[in-house]
Protein backbone atom coordinates (compact mmCIF):
# COMPACT_ATOMS: atom_id res chain seq x y z
CA UNK A 1 91.32 37.84 86.22
CA UNK A 2 88.63 39.26 84.00
CA UNK A 3 88.94 40.65 80.54
CA UNK A 4 86.14 42.09 78.41
CA UNK A 5 86.13 43.70 75.10
CA UNK A 6 82.90 44.44 73.40
CA UNK A 7 80.74 41.22 73.61
CA UNK A 8 83.46 38.82 74.51
CA UNK A 9 84.94 38.17 78.20
CA UNK A 10 87.10 35.91 79.62
CA UNK A 11 87.20 34.71 83.30
CA UNK A 12 89.09 32.19 85.27
CA UNK A 13 87.42 28.78 85.18
CA UNK A 14 85.23 28.02 88.27
CA UNK A 15 84.23 24.42 89.71
CA UNK A 16 80.70 25.05 88.10
CA UNK A 17 82.18 25.22 84.71
CA UNK A 18 83.11 21.44 84.76
CA UNK A 19 79.80 20.45 83.28
CA UNK A 20 80.11 22.72 80.40
CA UNK A 21 83.56 21.72 79.80
CA UNK A 22 82.54 17.96 80.11
CA UNK A 23 79.54 18.87 77.31
CA UNK A 24 81.97 20.46 75.07
CA UNK A 25 84.67 17.86 75.35
CA UNK A 26 82.29 15.18 74.63
CA UNK A 27 80.94 16.81 71.39
CA UNK A 28 82.47 14.99 68.32
CA UNK A 29 81.92 18.43 66.30
CA UNK A 30 84.20 20.12 68.82
CA UNK A 31 86.60 17.20 69.51
CA UNK A 32 87.38 17.02 65.65
CA UNK A 33 89.58 20.04 66.29
CA UNK A 34 90.37 19.85 69.99
CA UNK A 35 91.67 16.70 71.46
CA UNK A 36 90.09 14.18 68.90
CA UNK A 37 86.79 12.44 68.60
CA UNK A 38 88.61 9.33 69.82
CA UNK A 39 89.06 10.92 73.02
CA UNK A 40 85.82 12.12 74.62
CA UNK A 41 86.15 13.26 78.34
CA UNK A 42 83.79 12.72 80.85
CA UNK A 43 83.10 14.65 84.08
CA UNK A 44 85.95 12.83 85.93
CA UNK A 45 88.57 13.23 83.13
CA UNK A 46 87.57 17.00 82.97
CA UNK A 47 88.31 17.17 86.91
CA UNK A 48 91.48 15.61 86.44
CA UNK A 49 92.61 17.52 83.11
CA UNK A 50 91.29 20.88 83.90
CA UNK A 51 91.02 21.30 87.78
CA UNK A 52 94.18 19.53 88.91
CA UNK A 53 97.58 21.08 89.44
CA UNK A 54 98.06 23.88 86.97
CA UNK A 55 101.89 24.82 86.99
CA UNK A 56 101.27 28.21 86.38
CA UNK A 57 98.55 27.57 83.89
CA UNK A 58 95.62 29.94 83.76
CA UNK A 59 92.52 28.28 82.69
CA UNK A 60 89.52 30.52 81.59
CA UNK A 61 85.98 30.27 80.28
CA UNK A 62 85.13 32.35 77.40
CA UNK A 63 81.80 34.21 77.44
CA UNK A 64 79.82 36.08 74.58
CA UNK A 65 76.99 38.38 75.62
CA UNK A 66 77.46 36.64 79.05
CA UNK A 67 76.97 33.02 77.78
CA UNK A 68 79.42 30.62 78.10
CA UNK A 69 80.81 29.52 74.84
CA UNK A 70 84.39 28.06 75.34
CA UNK A 71 87.69 27.71 76.99
CA UNK A 72 91.15 29.15 76.82
CA UNK A 73 94.45 28.53 78.75
CA UNK A 74 97.90 30.28 78.72
CA UNK A 75 101.03 29.27 80.43
CA UNK A 76 104.78 29.98 80.54
CA UNK A 77 106.40 27.98 78.30
CA UNK A 78 108.72 25.19 80.01
CA UNK A 79 112.36 24.42 79.37
CA UNK A 80 111.49 21.12 77.63
CA UNK A 81 109.03 22.69 75.24
CA UNK A 82 111.43 25.68 74.70
CA UNK A 83 114.20 23.22 73.53
CA UNK A 84 111.75 21.35 71.30
CA UNK A 85 110.81 24.77 69.81
CA UNK A 86 114.27 25.93 69.26
CA UNK A 87 114.19 28.82 71.82
CA UNK A 88 117.52 29.08 73.72
CA UNK A 89 117.36 32.50 75.35
CA UNK A 90 116.44 31.64 78.96
CA UNK A 91 115.63 35.40 79.53
CA UNK A 92 112.96 35.72 77.16
CA UNK A 93 109.42 35.59 78.46
CA UNK A 94 107.37 33.01 76.32
CA UNK A 95 103.61 32.22 76.92
CA UNK A 96 101.83 29.43 75.15
CA UNK A 97 98.08 29.48 74.69
CA UNK A 98 95.21 26.87 73.51
CA UNK A 99 91.59 27.67 73.01
CA UNK A 100 88.40 26.26 71.67
CA UNK A 101 84.80 27.63 71.13
CA UNK A 102 82.78 24.78 72.39
CA UNK A 103 79.41 26.11 70.91
CA UNK A 104 79.56 25.33 67.27
CA UNK A 105 76.88 27.95 66.63
CA UNK A 106 79.48 30.55 67.53
CA UNK A 107 82.10 29.45 64.88
CA UNK A 108 82.99 31.52 61.85
CA UNK A 109 81.51 34.74 63.54
CA UNK A 110 85.09 36.45 64.28
CA UNK A 111 84.80 35.44 67.97
CA UNK A 112 87.85 33.53 67.84
CA UNK A 113 90.07 36.28 66.31
CA UNK A 114 88.64 38.90 69.12
CA UNK A 115 89.42 36.23 71.79
CA UNK A 116 93.13 35.66 70.36
CA UNK A 117 93.75 39.22 70.11
CA UNK A 118 92.48 39.84 73.72
CA UNK A 119 94.48 37.36 75.38
CA UNK A 120 97.60 38.15 73.32
CA UNK A 121 97.22 41.75 74.34
CA UNK A 122 96.71 40.72 77.96
CA UNK A 123 99.84 38.46 77.81
CA UNK A 124 101.98 41.39 76.29
CA UNK A 125 100.80 43.95 78.60
CA UNK A 126 100.03 42.31 81.85
CA UNK A 127 102.49 39.23 81.68
CA UNK A 128 105.20 40.96 79.85
CA UNK A 129 105.51 38.20 77.23
CA UNK A 130 108.23 38.63 74.57
CA UNK A 131 106.82 35.72 72.53
CA UNK A 132 103.40 34.07 72.36
CA UNK A 133 103.33 30.59 70.76
CA UNK A 134 100.82 28.09 69.67
CA UNK A 135 101.09 24.75 67.75
CA UNK A 136 97.89 24.07 65.58
CA UNK A 137 97.80 21.12 63.51
CA UNK A 138 98.79 21.95 59.77
CA UNK A 139 95.29 20.84 58.50
CA UNK A 140 93.19 23.02 60.69
CA UNK A 141 93.24 25.96 58.29
CA UNK A 142 90.44 27.79 59.89
CA UNK A 143 92.34 28.15 63.22
CA UNK A 144 95.68 29.19 61.37
CA UNK A 145 93.96 31.76 59.46
CA UNK A 146 92.42 33.40 62.66
CA UNK A 147 95.91 33.30 64.10
CA UNK A 148 97.49 34.94 61.07
CA UNK A 149 94.90 37.50 61.22
CA UNK A 150 95.89 38.26 64.86
CA UNK A 151 99.67 38.56 63.78
CA UNK A 152 100.97 35.19 64.25
CA UNK A 153 103.54 33.76 61.89
CA UNK A 154 104.38 30.22 60.96
CA UNK A 155 107.99 29.81 62.22
CA UNK A 156 108.64 25.97 62.11
CA UNK A 157 106.97 22.70 61.00
CA UNK A 158 106.76 20.32 63.85
CA UNK A 159 106.35 16.93 62.16
CA UNK A 160 104.40 14.15 63.71
CA UNK A 161 104.05 16.67 66.81
CA UNK A 162 100.49 15.76 68.33
CA UNK A 163 98.68 12.55 68.72
CA UNK A 164 95.14 13.06 67.07
CA UNK A 165 92.46 10.59 66.13
CA UNK A 166 94.92 7.55 66.07
CA UNK A 167 97.87 9.01 64.45
CA UNK A 168 100.65 11.70 65.00
CA UNK A 169 99.85 14.83 63.15
CA UNK A 170 102.08 17.62 61.84
CA UNK A 171 101.79 20.95 63.48
CA UNK A 172 102.80 24.50 62.71
CA UNK A 173 104.83 26.18 65.47
CA UNK A 174 103.30 29.78 65.16
CA UNK A 175 104.46 32.82 67.00
CA UNK A 176 103.72 36.55 67.96
CA UNK A 177 106.76 38.42 68.83
CA UNK A 178 106.60 41.63 70.73
CA UNK A 179 107.63 44.52 68.36
């Protein structure tokens, strides 16, 4: 899989990317927003978490002007997560996605918005998603603004949903629904 629009490209993760992933996932500035600063990942943990069995998860590297700058993953939402989110129609195709820009110099430049739009378009058109969901922590206002610019809407508060830096944090269930 390879998707490109303008200067942003997305391609599937390869083994050689693990060094970049370990760099990004041990950077406190990145970890503040993804995983938590108390959970830096070394190379072995990156291999286990990002290169093991994927259960239909697609793991990708984000490039900007052909330079690797981050990570995105998407996956069909499973039964347990569907129940937790309140989705009961088993015929509905629901995808989840997570992403981060691992090079902070590329933050606040509109790249995240372009990335989310690209992946959402791919999921709607190629994977025939009816709904795309994410669950950002409520305090991560920059990410939430980005997702809202892309057409995602807050639909449900998820109290104490995600462990982050020593405590359970509230998250928003946000979704993009095919129109």
